[in-house]
Amino acid sequence: MLELVQQRGKAFAVSRAAVFGISMSTVETYYSRIIEKLKLDGMKALRRYAATFKP
């Protein structure tokens, strides 16, 4: 089950890279910087934050 979730997350990052025409490593770097700036615990926390964010 964990492998499936990890593969799905990786597929999402690959699709973001393709949409914006950038490399996968660039997407991962951006995710890392966002997580750091928001002082979150990781990708799961970032997804939770994004789902509940209200501008």
C-alpha atoms as a PDB file:
ATOM      1  CA  MET A   1       0.000   0.000   0.000  1.00  0.00           C
ATOM      2  CA  LEU A   2       2.785   2.432   0.919  1.00  0.00           C
ATOM      3  CA  GLU A   3       4.493   1.794  -2.428  1.00  0.00           C
ATOM      4  CA  LEU A   4       1.272   2.624  -4.255  1.00  0.00           C
ATOM      5  CA  VAL A   5       0.937   5.933  -2.402  1.00  0.00           C
ATOM      6  CA  GLN A   6       4.594   6.790  -3.056  1.00  0.00           C
ATOM      7  CA  GLN A   7       4.234   5.986  -6.763  1.00  0.00           C
ATOM      8  CA  ARG A   8       1.095   8.101  -6.962  1.00  0.00           C
ATOM      9  CA  GLY A   9       2.904  11.024  -5.327  1.00  0.00           C
ATOM     10  CA  LYS A  10       5.821  10.652  -7.701  1.00  0.00           C
ATOM     11  CA  ALA A  11       3.468  10.505 -10.691  1.00  0.00           C
ATOM     12  CA  PHE A  12       1.885  13.762  -9.515  1.00  0.00           C
ATOM     13  CA  ALA A  13       5.303  15.452  -9.336  1.00  0.00           C
ATOM     14  CA  VAL A  14       6.186  14.147 -12.804  1.00  0.00           C
ATOM     15  CA  SER A  15       2.926  15.498 -14.215  1.00  0.00           C
ATOM     16  CA  ARG A  16       3.587  18.922 -12.609  1.00  0.00           C
ATOM     17  CA  ALA A  17       7.040  18.928 -14.168  1.00  0.00           C
ATOM     18  CA  ALA A  18       5.567  18.124 -17.583  1.00  0.00           C
ATOM     19  CA  VAL A  19       2.871  20.796 -17.292  1.00  0.00           C
ATOM     20  CA  PHE A  20       5.391  23.509 -16.476  1.00  0.00           C
ATOM     21  CA  GLY A  21       8.149  22.172 -18.711  1.00  0.00           C
ATOM     22  CA  ILE A  22      10.666  21.778 -15.880  1.00  0.00           C
ATOM     23  CA  SER A  23      12.599  18.827 -14.499  1.00  0.00           C
ATOM     24  CA  MET A  24      11.358  16.555 -11.741  1.00  0.00           C
ATOM     25  CA  SER A  25      14.251  17.627  -9.511  1.00  0.00           C
ATOM     26  CA  THR A  26      13.133  21.252  -9.870  1.00  0.00           C
ATOM     27  CA  VAL A  27       9.620  20.333  -8.724  1.00  0.00           C
ATOM     28  CA  GLU A  28      11.048  18.458  -5.735  1.00  0.00           C
ATOM     29  CA  THR A  29      13.242  21.452  -4.880  1.00  0.00           C
ATOM     30  CA  TYR A  30      10.243  23.785  -5.004  1.00  0.00           C
ATOM     31  CA  TYR A  31       8.242  21.434  -2.762  1.00  0.00           C
ATOM     32  CA  SER A  32      11.116  21.318  -0.281  1.00  0.00           C
ATOM     33  CA  ARG A  33      11.418  25.112  -0.188  1.00  0.00           C
ATOM     34  CA  ILE A  34       7.677  25.583   0.300  1.00  0.00           C
ATOM     35  CA  ILE A  35       7.638  23.018   3.122  1.00  0.00           C
ATOM     36  CA  GLU A  36      10.591  24.750   4.778  1.00  0.00           C
ATOM     37  CA  LYS A  37       9.134  28.262   4.457  1.00  0.00           C
ATOM     38  CA  LEU A  38       5.763  27.180   5.841  1.00  0.00           C
ATOM     39  CA  LYS A  39       7.536  25.254   8.634  1.00  0.00           C
ATOM     40  CA  LEU A  40       5.652  22.053   7.841  1.00  0.00           C
ATOM     41  CA  ASP A  41       6.695  18.496   8.692  1.00  0.00           C
ATOM     42  CA  GLY A  42       6.670  17.117   5.167  1.00  0.00           C
ATOM     43  CA  MET A  43       4.688  16.476   2.040  1.00  0.00           C
ATOM     44  CA  LYS A  44       1.699  15.066   3.903  1.00  0.00           C
ATOM     45  CA  ALA A  45       1.455  18.269   5.950  1.00  0.00           C
ATOM     46  CA  LEU A  46       1.792  20.346   2.755  1.00  0.00           C
ATOM     47  CA  ARG A  47      -1.108  18.486   1.156  1.00  0.00           C
ATOM     48  CA  ARG A  48      -3.204  18.992   4.296  1.00  0.00           C
ATOM     49  CA  TYR A  49      -2.311  22.684   4.312  1.00  0.00           C
ATOM     50  CA  ALA A  50      -3.215  23.050   0.634  1.00  0.00           C
ATOM     51  CA  ALA A  51      -6.548  21.282   1.119  1.00  0.00           C
ATOM     52  CA  THR A  52      -7.567  23.597   3.959  1.00  0.00           C
ATOM     53  CA  PHE A  53      -5.999  26.845   2.693  1.00  0.00           C
ATOM     54  CA  LYS A  54      -8.385  29.780   2.340  1.00  0.00           C
ATOM     55  CA  PRO A  55      -6.932  32.992   0.889  1.00  0.00           C
END
